[in-house]
N, C-alpha and C. Protein backbone atom coordinates (compact mmCIF):
# COMPACT_ATOMS: atom_id res chain seq x y z
N MET A 1 21.13 25.68 5.12
CA MET A 1 21.20 25.10 3.80
C MET A 1 19.83 25.30 3.12
N SER A 2 19.86 25.80 1.90
CA SER A 2 18.62 26.02 1.16
C SER A 2 18.04 24.69 0.65
N ASN A 3 16.79 24.70 0.26
CA ASN A 3 16.17 23.49 -0.32
C ASN A 3 16.93 23.03 -1.56
N GLU A 4 17.36 23.98 -2.37
CA GLU A 4 18.09 23.64 -3.60
C GLU A 4 19.43 22.97 -3.27
N GLU A 5 20.15 23.50 -2.29
CA GLU A 5 21.42 22.90 -1.88
C GLU A 5 21.19 21.51 -1.29
N PHE A 6 20.15 21.38 -0.52
CA PHE A 6 19.82 20.10 0.08
C PHE A 6 19.49 19.07 -1.01
N MET A 7 18.71 19.46 -2.02
CA MET A 7 18.37 18.55 -3.12
C MET A 7 19.63 18.15 -3.90
N LEU A 8 20.52 19.08 -4.13
CA LEU A 8 21.77 18.76 -4.83
C LEU A 8 22.59 17.75 -4.04
N ARG A 9 22.64 17.94 -2.72
CA ARG A 9 23.37 17.00 -1.86
C ARG A 9 22.74 15.60 -1.94
N ILE A 10 21.43 15.54 -1.90
CA ILE A 10 20.74 14.26 -2.02
C ILE A 10 21.01 13.64 -3.38
N MET A 11 20.96 14.43 -4.45
CA MET A 11 21.19 13.90 -5.79
C MET A 11 22.61 13.33 -5.94
N GLU A 12 23.58 13.98 -5.34
CA GLU A 12 24.96 13.46 -5.39
C GLU A 12 25.01 12.08 -4.73
N GLU A 13 24.41 11.95 -3.58
CA GLU A 13 24.38 10.68 -2.87
C GLU A 13 23.59 9.64 -3.66
N PHE A 14 22.46 10.05 -4.19
CA PHE A 14 21.60 9.16 -4.97
C PHE A 14 22.33 8.64 -6.20
N ASN A 15 23.06 9.49 -6.88
CA ASN A 15 23.79 9.09 -8.09
C ASN A 15 24.90 8.09 -7.82
N SER A 16 25.33 7.99 -6.57
CA SER A 16 26.38 7.02 -6.23
C SER A 16 25.82 5.60 -6.07
N ILE A 17 24.49 5.45 -6.02
CA ILE A 17 23.86 4.13 -5.91
C ILE A 17 23.96 3.44 -7.27
N LYS A 18 24.32 2.16 -7.26
CA LYS A 18 24.57 1.46 -8.53
C LYS A 18 23.34 0.84 -9.17
N ASN A 19 22.32 0.46 -8.42
CA ASN A 19 21.18 -0.27 -8.98
C ASN A 19 20.25 0.68 -9.72
N TYR A 20 20.37 0.72 -11.06
CA TYR A 20 19.60 1.66 -11.88
C TYR A 20 18.10 1.42 -11.77
N GLU A 21 17.69 0.15 -11.80
CA GLU A 21 16.25 -0.16 -11.77
C GLU A 21 15.61 0.39 -10.50
N GLN A 22 16.26 0.19 -9.38
CA GLN A 22 15.72 0.68 -8.11
C GLN A 22 15.74 2.21 -8.06
N LYS A 23 16.77 2.81 -8.64
CA LYS A 23 16.84 4.27 -8.65
C LYS A 23 15.71 4.85 -9.47
N ARG A 24 15.45 4.29 -10.65
CA ARG A 24 14.39 4.79 -11.52
C ARG A 24 13.02 4.64 -10.83
N GLY A 25 12.79 3.49 -10.24
CA GLY A 25 11.54 3.26 -9.54
C GLY A 25 11.35 4.21 -8.38
N PHE A 26 12.43 4.47 -7.66
CA PHE A 26 12.36 5.40 -6.55
C PHE A 26 11.97 6.79 -7.04
N LEU A 27 12.58 7.23 -8.15
CA LEU A 27 12.25 8.54 -8.70
C LEU A 27 10.79 8.60 -9.16
N GLU A 28 10.30 7.52 -9.76
CA GLU A 28 8.90 7.48 -10.18
C GLU A 28 7.98 7.57 -8.97
N ASP A 29 8.31 6.83 -7.91
CA ASP A 29 7.50 6.89 -6.70
C ASP A 29 7.58 8.26 -6.03
N LEU A 30 8.76 8.85 -6.03
CA LEU A 30 8.92 10.19 -5.46
C LEU A 30 8.07 11.19 -6.24
N ASN A 31 8.08 11.08 -7.56
CA ASN A 31 7.27 11.96 -8.39
C ASN A 31 5.78 11.79 -8.08
N TYR A 32 5.34 10.54 -7.94
CA TYR A 32 3.95 10.26 -7.57
C TYR A 32 3.61 10.90 -6.23
N HIS A 33 4.49 10.70 -5.25
CA HIS A 33 4.26 11.21 -3.91
C HIS A 33 4.19 12.75 -3.91
N VAL A 34 5.11 13.39 -4.60
CA VAL A 34 5.10 14.86 -4.69
C VAL A 34 3.80 15.32 -5.36
N GLY A 35 3.37 14.60 -6.39
CA GLY A 35 2.10 14.94 -7.06
C GLY A 35 0.92 14.84 -6.12
N GLN A 36 0.90 13.83 -5.25
CA GLN A 36 -0.19 13.68 -4.29
C GLN A 36 -0.17 14.80 -3.24
N ILE A 37 1.02 15.17 -2.80
CA ILE A 37 1.13 16.27 -1.83
C ILE A 37 0.67 17.57 -2.47
N LYS A 38 1.11 17.80 -3.71
CA LYS A 38 0.70 19.01 -4.45
C LYS A 38 -0.81 19.04 -4.61
N TYR A 39 -1.40 17.92 -4.99
CA TYR A 39 -2.85 17.85 -5.15
C TYR A 39 -3.56 18.19 -3.83
N PHE A 40 -3.09 17.61 -2.73
CA PHE A 40 -3.74 17.84 -1.44
C PHE A 40 -3.67 19.32 -1.04
N TYR A 41 -2.47 19.91 -1.12
CA TYR A 41 -2.31 21.28 -0.63
C TYR A 41 -2.74 22.35 -1.63
N ASP A 42 -2.52 22.11 -2.92
CA ASP A 42 -2.79 23.16 -3.91
C ASP A 42 -4.19 23.08 -4.53
N GLU A 43 -4.81 21.90 -4.51
CA GLU A 43 -6.12 21.77 -5.13
C GLU A 43 -7.22 21.42 -4.13
N LEU A 44 -6.99 20.37 -3.36
CA LEU A 44 -8.03 19.89 -2.46
C LEU A 44 -8.29 20.87 -1.30
N THR A 45 -7.23 21.28 -0.60
CA THR A 45 -7.38 22.15 0.56
C THR A 45 -8.08 23.47 0.23
N PRO A 46 -7.66 24.20 -0.82
CA PRO A 46 -8.36 25.46 -1.12
C PRO A 46 -9.84 25.26 -1.49
N ASN A 47 -10.17 24.11 -2.07
CA ASN A 47 -11.55 23.84 -2.48
C ASN A 47 -12.42 23.29 -1.35
N GLN A 48 -11.80 22.95 -0.22
CA GLN A 48 -12.59 22.49 0.92
C GLN A 48 -12.61 23.60 1.98
N THR A 49 -11.78 23.48 2.97
CA THR A 49 -11.84 24.42 4.10
C THR A 49 -10.74 25.49 4.07
N GLY A 50 -9.73 25.29 3.23
CA GLY A 50 -8.59 26.20 3.23
C GLY A 50 -7.58 25.87 4.31
N ASP A 51 -7.91 24.91 5.15
CA ASP A 51 -7.05 24.51 6.27
C ASP A 51 -6.72 23.02 6.11
N PRO A 52 -5.43 22.67 5.93
CA PRO A 52 -5.07 21.27 5.74
C PRO A 52 -5.51 20.36 6.89
N SER A 53 -5.58 20.91 8.10
CA SER A 53 -5.96 20.07 9.24
C SER A 53 -7.43 19.67 9.21
N THR A 54 -8.25 20.37 8.43
CA THR A 54 -9.67 20.03 8.34
C THR A 54 -10.07 19.62 6.92
N THR A 55 -9.07 19.39 6.07
CA THR A 55 -9.32 18.94 4.69
C THR A 55 -9.14 17.43 4.64
N PHE A 56 -10.05 16.77 3.91
CA PHE A 56 -9.99 15.32 3.80
C PHE A 56 -10.16 14.89 2.35
N TYR A 57 -9.30 13.99 1.92
CA TYR A 57 -9.45 13.34 0.61
C TYR A 57 -10.39 12.17 0.81
N ARG A 58 -11.43 12.11 0.00
CA ARG A 58 -12.39 11.01 0.14
C ARG A 58 -12.87 10.61 -1.25
N PRO A 59 -12.41 9.46 -1.73
CA PRO A 59 -12.89 8.98 -3.04
C PRO A 59 -14.39 8.69 -2.98
N LYS A 60 -15.03 8.69 -4.15
CA LYS A 60 -16.47 8.41 -4.22
C LYS A 60 -16.77 6.98 -3.78
N GLN A 61 -15.86 6.06 -4.09
CA GLN A 61 -16.04 4.67 -3.69
C GLN A 61 -14.89 4.25 -2.79
N LEU A 62 -15.24 3.53 -1.74
CA LEU A 62 -14.24 3.02 -0.81
C LEU A 62 -14.41 1.52 -0.65
N PRO A 63 -13.30 0.81 -0.49
CA PRO A 63 -13.42 -0.62 -0.21
C PRO A 63 -13.92 -0.83 1.22
N LYS A 64 -14.43 -2.02 1.45
CA LYS A 64 -14.89 -2.39 2.79
C LYS A 64 -13.83 -3.27 3.44
N VAL A 65 -13.92 -3.36 4.75
CA VAL A 65 -13.08 -4.30 5.47
C VAL A 65 -13.38 -5.69 4.91
N HIS A 66 -12.35 -6.51 4.78
CA HIS A 66 -12.44 -7.88 4.26
C HIS A 66 -12.61 -7.90 2.73
N GLN A 67 -12.09 -6.86 2.07
CA GLN A 67 -12.01 -6.84 0.62
C GLN A 67 -10.56 -6.62 0.22
N ILE A 68 -10.29 -6.80 -1.07
CA ILE A 68 -8.99 -6.53 -1.66
C ILE A 68 -9.12 -5.25 -2.48
N ALA A 69 -8.15 -4.34 -2.34
CA ALA A 69 -8.11 -3.10 -3.11
C ALA A 69 -6.66 -2.83 -3.50
N TYR A 70 -6.47 -1.97 -4.49
CA TYR A 70 -5.14 -1.68 -5.02
C TYR A 70 -4.62 -0.37 -4.42
N PHE A 71 -3.39 -0.42 -3.90
CA PHE A 71 -2.76 0.75 -3.28
C PHE A 71 -1.36 0.95 -3.85
N ASN A 72 -0.92 2.21 -3.90
CA ASN A 72 0.46 2.52 -4.22
C ASN A 72 1.21 2.60 -2.90
N LEU A 73 2.08 1.64 -2.67
CA LEU A 73 2.84 1.60 -1.42
C LEU A 73 4.11 2.43 -1.48
N THR A 74 4.48 2.91 -2.64
CA THR A 74 5.73 3.62 -2.91
C THR A 74 6.93 2.86 -2.33
N ARG A 75 8.10 3.35 -2.62
CA ARG A 75 9.30 2.68 -2.18
C ARG A 75 9.62 3.04 -0.74
N GLY A 76 10.15 2.07 -0.05
CA GLY A 76 10.62 2.28 1.31
C GLY A 76 12.04 1.76 1.39
N PHE A 77 12.29 0.93 2.35
CA PHE A 77 13.60 0.35 2.52
C PHE A 77 13.68 -0.96 1.75
N PRO A 78 14.91 -1.42 1.44
CA PRO A 78 15.04 -2.71 0.76
C PRO A 78 14.33 -3.81 1.55
N LYS A 79 13.76 -4.74 0.83
CA LYS A 79 13.04 -5.91 1.35
C LYS A 79 11.61 -5.59 1.77
N GLU A 80 11.18 -4.33 1.67
CA GLU A 80 9.77 -4.01 1.90
C GLU A 80 9.05 -4.13 0.56
N LEU A 81 7.80 -4.53 0.60
CA LEU A 81 6.99 -4.51 -0.63
C LEU A 81 6.77 -3.06 -1.02
N TYR A 82 6.79 -2.78 -2.30
CA TYR A 82 6.64 -1.40 -2.76
C TYR A 82 5.86 -1.36 -4.06
N GLY A 83 5.55 -0.15 -4.50
CA GLY A 83 4.82 0.04 -5.75
C GLY A 83 3.36 -0.31 -5.57
N GLY A 84 2.70 -0.53 -6.70
CA GLY A 84 1.29 -0.89 -6.66
C GLY A 84 1.10 -2.33 -6.22
N HIS A 85 0.21 -2.53 -5.28
CA HIS A 85 -0.08 -3.88 -4.77
C HIS A 85 -1.55 -3.99 -4.40
N TRP A 86 -2.07 -5.18 -4.64
CA TRP A 86 -3.38 -5.52 -4.10
C TRP A 86 -3.17 -5.76 -2.61
N CYS A 87 -4.08 -5.22 -1.82
CA CYS A 87 -3.95 -5.32 -0.38
C CYS A 87 -5.28 -5.71 0.25
N TYR A 88 -5.18 -6.48 1.31
CA TYR A 88 -6.34 -6.88 2.09
C TYR A 88 -6.67 -5.74 3.06
N ILE A 89 -7.94 -5.34 3.09
CA ILE A 89 -8.37 -4.29 4.00
C ILE A 89 -8.68 -4.92 5.35
N PHE A 90 -7.84 -4.64 6.32
CA PHE A 90 -7.99 -5.19 7.66
C PHE A 90 -8.84 -4.27 8.55
N LYS A 91 -8.63 -2.95 8.41
CA LYS A 91 -9.34 -1.98 9.24
C LYS A 91 -9.39 -0.66 8.50
N TYR A 92 -10.45 0.11 8.71
CA TYR A 92 -10.62 1.42 8.10
C TYR A 92 -10.75 2.47 9.20
N PHE A 93 -9.96 3.54 9.09
CA PHE A 93 -10.04 4.69 9.99
C PHE A 93 -10.22 5.94 9.13
N LYS A 94 -11.29 6.61 9.22
CA LYS A 94 -11.62 7.87 8.54
C LYS A 94 -10.75 8.25 7.33
N THR A 95 -9.44 8.39 7.49
CA THR A 95 -8.57 8.78 6.38
C THR A 95 -7.44 7.78 6.14
N LYS A 96 -7.48 6.66 6.84
CA LYS A 96 -6.41 5.67 6.72
C LYS A 96 -6.99 4.26 6.69
N PHE A 97 -6.20 3.37 6.14
CA PHE A 97 -6.52 1.94 6.13
C PHE A 97 -5.39 1.18 6.78
N VAL A 98 -5.71 0.15 7.52
CA VAL A 98 -4.72 -0.84 7.93
C VAL A 98 -4.83 -1.93 6.88
N ILE A 99 -3.76 -2.13 6.15
CA ILE A 99 -3.78 -3.06 5.01
C ILE A 99 -2.71 -4.14 5.18
N ILE A 100 -2.94 -5.23 4.47
CA ILE A 100 -1.93 -6.29 4.38
C ILE A 100 -1.68 -6.51 2.90
N PRO A 101 -0.49 -6.15 2.42
CA PRO A 101 -0.19 -6.37 1.01
C PRO A 101 -0.27 -7.86 0.67
N THR A 102 -0.63 -8.14 -0.58
CA THR A 102 -0.70 -9.51 -1.05
C THR A 102 0.28 -9.71 -2.20
N THR A 103 0.64 -10.95 -2.43
CA THR A 103 1.46 -11.31 -3.58
C THR A 103 0.81 -12.48 -4.29
N SER A 104 1.17 -12.66 -5.54
CA SER A 104 0.60 -13.74 -6.36
C SER A 104 1.03 -15.11 -5.84
N VAL A 105 0.14 -16.07 -6.01
CA VAL A 105 0.46 -17.46 -5.73
C VAL A 105 0.39 -18.19 -7.07
N LYS A 106 1.52 -18.71 -7.49
CA LYS A 106 1.59 -19.41 -8.77
C LYS A 106 1.69 -20.91 -8.52
N ALA A 107 1.55 -21.68 -9.59
CA ALA A 107 1.60 -23.14 -9.47
C ALA A 107 2.89 -23.62 -8.82
N ASP A 108 4.01 -22.92 -9.09
CA ASP A 108 5.30 -23.35 -8.54
C ASP A 108 5.70 -22.60 -7.26
N SER A 109 4.75 -21.84 -6.69
CA SER A 109 5.05 -21.12 -5.44
C SER A 109 5.23 -22.11 -4.28
N LEU A 110 6.12 -21.75 -3.39
CA LEU A 110 6.27 -22.53 -2.16
C LEU A 110 5.02 -22.34 -1.31
N PRO A 111 4.76 -23.24 -0.37
CA PRO A 111 3.63 -23.02 0.54
C PRO A 111 3.87 -21.76 1.37
N PRO A 112 2.80 -21.17 1.90
CA PRO A 112 3.00 -19.96 2.71
C PRO A 112 3.82 -20.27 3.97
N ASP A 113 4.65 -19.32 4.35
CA ASP A 113 5.41 -19.43 5.58
C ASP A 113 4.47 -19.06 6.72
N LYS A 114 4.13 -20.01 7.55
CA LYS A 114 3.12 -19.83 8.61
C LYS A 114 3.52 -18.76 9.63
N GLU A 115 4.80 -18.36 9.62
CA GLU A 115 5.24 -17.33 10.57
C GLU A 115 4.78 -15.94 10.16
N PHE A 116 4.51 -15.70 8.85
CA PHE A 116 4.14 -14.35 8.43
C PHE A 116 3.30 -14.29 7.16
N GLN A 117 2.80 -15.42 6.67
CA GLN A 117 2.01 -15.43 5.44
C GLN A 117 0.75 -16.29 5.61
N MET A 118 -0.23 -16.00 4.76
CA MET A 118 -1.45 -16.79 4.73
C MET A 118 -2.06 -16.65 3.34
N ASP A 119 -2.47 -17.77 2.75
CA ASP A 119 -3.15 -17.73 1.46
C ASP A 119 -4.64 -17.54 1.69
N ILE A 120 -5.23 -16.67 0.86
CA ILE A 120 -6.67 -16.44 0.94
C ILE A 120 -7.26 -16.56 -0.46
N GLU A 121 -8.55 -16.83 -0.51
CA GLU A 121 -9.27 -16.94 -1.78
C GLU A 121 -10.08 -15.67 -1.98
N VAL A 122 -10.05 -15.16 -3.23
CA VAL A 122 -10.73 -13.92 -3.56
C VAL A 122 -11.69 -14.17 -4.73
N LYS A 123 -12.87 -13.63 -4.64
CA LYS A 123 -13.91 -13.81 -5.65
C LYS A 123 -13.64 -12.91 -6.87
N ASN A 124 -13.66 -13.51 -8.08
CA ASN A 124 -13.52 -12.77 -9.35
C ASN A 124 -12.29 -11.88 -9.42
N PHE A 125 -11.19 -12.37 -8.93
CA PHE A 125 -9.97 -11.57 -8.80
C PHE A 125 -8.98 -11.89 -9.90
N THR A 126 -8.72 -10.97 -10.80
CA THR A 126 -7.75 -11.03 -11.90
C THR A 126 -7.59 -12.45 -12.45
N ASN A 127 -6.37 -12.86 -12.69
CA ASN A 127 -6.11 -14.17 -13.30
C ASN A 127 -5.99 -15.30 -12.29
N HIS A 128 -5.91 -14.98 -11.05
CA HIS A 128 -5.81 -16.02 -10.03
C HIS A 128 -6.78 -15.70 -8.90
N TYR A 129 -7.21 -16.72 -8.24
CA TYR A 129 -8.19 -16.54 -7.18
C TYR A 129 -7.59 -16.71 -5.80
N ILE A 130 -6.36 -17.18 -5.77
CA ILE A 130 -5.65 -17.32 -4.50
C ILE A 130 -4.57 -16.24 -4.48
N THR A 131 -4.48 -15.54 -3.37
CA THR A 131 -3.43 -14.55 -3.20
C THR A 131 -2.85 -14.73 -1.80
N ARG A 132 -1.65 -14.27 -1.60
CA ARG A 132 -0.95 -14.52 -0.34
C ARG A 132 -0.84 -13.24 0.48
N LEU A 133 -1.40 -13.27 1.68
CA LEU A 133 -1.24 -12.15 2.61
C LEU A 133 0.20 -12.13 3.12
N GLN A 134 0.83 -10.98 3.03
CA GLN A 134 2.18 -10.79 3.55
C GLN A 134 2.04 -10.05 4.88
N ILE A 135 1.67 -10.79 5.91
CA ILE A 135 1.33 -10.20 7.21
C ILE A 135 2.52 -9.45 7.80
N GLY A 136 3.72 -9.87 7.48
CA GLY A 136 4.91 -9.17 7.95
C GLY A 136 5.05 -7.78 7.35
N ASP A 137 4.30 -7.48 6.29
CA ASP A 137 4.33 -6.16 5.66
C ASP A 137 3.07 -5.34 5.97
N MET A 138 2.30 -5.78 6.95
CA MET A 138 1.09 -5.07 7.36
C MET A 138 1.45 -3.65 7.75
N ARG A 139 0.60 -2.69 7.39
CA ARG A 139 0.88 -1.29 7.70
C ARG A 139 -0.37 -0.43 7.61
N THR A 140 -0.25 0.78 8.07
CA THR A 140 -1.31 1.78 7.92
C THR A 140 -0.91 2.69 6.77
N VAL A 141 -1.86 2.96 5.88
CA VAL A 141 -1.59 3.84 4.74
C VAL A 141 -2.68 4.89 4.63
N ASP A 142 -2.32 6.02 4.07
CA ASP A 142 -3.28 7.09 3.84
C ASP A 142 -4.22 6.70 2.71
N ILE A 143 -5.43 7.19 2.78
CA ILE A 143 -6.46 6.89 1.79
C ILE A 143 -6.05 7.36 0.38
N GLN A 144 -5.15 8.36 0.30
CA GLN A 144 -4.72 8.85 -1.00
C GLN A 144 -3.91 7.81 -1.78
N ARG A 145 -3.45 6.77 -1.13
CA ARG A 145 -2.71 5.71 -1.82
C ARG A 145 -3.64 4.74 -2.58
N LEU A 146 -4.93 4.84 -2.34
CA LEU A 146 -5.92 3.95 -2.94
C LEU A 146 -6.14 4.28 -4.42
N TYR A 147 -6.25 3.23 -5.25
CA TYR A 147 -6.63 3.36 -6.65
C TYR A 147 -8.05 2.80 -6.83
N PRO A 148 -9.09 3.60 -6.61
CA PRO A 148 -10.46 3.06 -6.70
C PRO A 148 -10.81 2.51 -8.08
N ALA A 149 -10.22 3.05 -9.13
CA ALA A 149 -10.55 2.62 -10.50
C ALA A 149 -10.21 1.16 -10.77
N LYS A 150 -9.30 0.58 -9.98
CA LYS A 150 -8.94 -0.82 -10.17
C LYS A 150 -9.97 -1.78 -9.58
N GLY A 151 -10.92 -1.24 -8.83
CA GLY A 151 -11.99 -2.05 -8.28
C GLY A 151 -11.64 -2.65 -6.93
N PHE A 152 -12.67 -3.25 -6.33
CA PHE A 152 -12.55 -3.90 -5.04
C PHE A 152 -13.11 -5.31 -5.19
N TYR A 153 -12.50 -6.26 -4.50
CA TYR A 153 -12.89 -7.66 -4.64
C TYR A 153 -13.18 -8.27 -3.28
N ASP A 154 -14.22 -9.07 -3.25
CA ASP A 154 -14.61 -9.74 -2.01
C ASP A 154 -13.70 -10.92 -1.72
N VAL A 155 -13.35 -11.07 -0.47
CA VAL A 155 -12.55 -12.20 -0.03
C VAL A 155 -13.50 -13.32 0.37
N ILE A 156 -13.24 -14.52 -0.14
CA ILE A 156 -14.07 -15.69 0.15
C ILE A 156 -13.66 -16.36 1.46
N THR A 157 -12.36 -16.38 1.72
CA THR A 157 -11.85 -16.98 2.96
C THR A 157 -12.54 -16.33 4.15
N ASP A 158 -12.96 -17.14 5.10
CA ASP A 158 -13.68 -16.67 6.28
C ASP A 158 -12.88 -15.59 7.02
N GLN A 159 -13.53 -14.47 7.31
CA GLN A 159 -12.88 -13.35 7.98
C GLN A 159 -12.35 -13.73 9.36
N GLU A 160 -13.10 -14.54 10.09
CA GLU A 160 -12.65 -14.96 11.43
C GLU A 160 -11.38 -15.80 11.35
N LEU A 161 -11.27 -16.63 10.32
CA LEU A 161 -10.06 -17.43 10.13
C LEU A 161 -8.86 -16.52 9.87
N ILE A 162 -9.07 -15.49 9.06
CA ILE A 162 -7.99 -14.53 8.77
C ILE A 162 -7.59 -13.80 10.05
N ILE A 163 -8.57 -13.32 10.80
CA ILE A 163 -8.29 -12.59 12.04
C ILE A 163 -7.57 -13.49 13.04
N ASP A 164 -8.00 -14.74 13.15
CA ASP A 164 -7.34 -15.68 14.06
C ASP A 164 -5.88 -15.89 13.67
N ASN A 165 -5.62 -16.05 12.36
CA ASN A 165 -4.24 -16.24 11.89
C ASN A 165 -3.40 -15.00 12.13
N ILE A 166 -3.96 -13.84 11.84
CA ILE A 166 -3.22 -12.59 12.06
C ILE A 166 -2.92 -12.42 13.54
N SER A 167 -3.92 -12.67 14.39
CA SER A 167 -3.71 -12.56 15.84
C SER A 167 -2.62 -13.52 16.31
N ARG A 168 -2.66 -14.75 15.84
CA ARG A 168 -1.65 -15.74 16.21
C ARG A 168 -0.26 -15.25 15.80
N ILE A 169 -0.15 -14.76 14.57
CA ILE A 169 1.15 -14.31 14.06
C ILE A 169 1.64 -13.10 14.83
N LEU A 170 0.76 -12.14 15.08
CA LEU A 170 1.19 -10.90 15.74
C LEU A 170 1.46 -11.09 17.22
N LEU A 171 0.75 -12.01 17.86
CA LEU A 171 0.86 -12.15 19.32
C LEU A 171 1.79 -13.27 19.77
N GLU A 172 2.21 -14.12 18.83
CA GLU A 172 3.14 -15.20 19.18
C GLU A 172 4.49 -14.62 19.55
N GLU A 173 5.12 -15.22 20.52
CA GLU A 173 6.46 -14.76 20.90
C GLU A 173 7.51 -15.65 20.33
């Protein structure tokens, strides 16, 4: 089956999905993802080593562990967080980050679910200073998902407290 035939088959299946909003968002994320792949292989790789295995995307500014940064998580499966999200930087590996997506905490928000969430305080962060770690959505992402232009923010909540909570959540049976 050719790539064109395969894409047509996917489009037929895709068109049978009823939720228009999710379909449009998925297409936007797919377009973003294809653009990032094109950038890596067609622009970055030839200008570095010519070999994708030794080419690295590295923004001029990087967030530090224990900061909040903005990432494009793109769409995954239903019930996963997707799109652009502020994320807590848990760990940094050369070309990847282990991140924990965050969600807004509003006046009428329920308390965090201790099984997979934790509220943290962030210094000078948008319109709210409290954000909620969605530890159940913790993941590793490529550095190309980072939006450095949105800035990085320091977390006020003690790092050891966050690590202790994450360890408790991940290691509890």
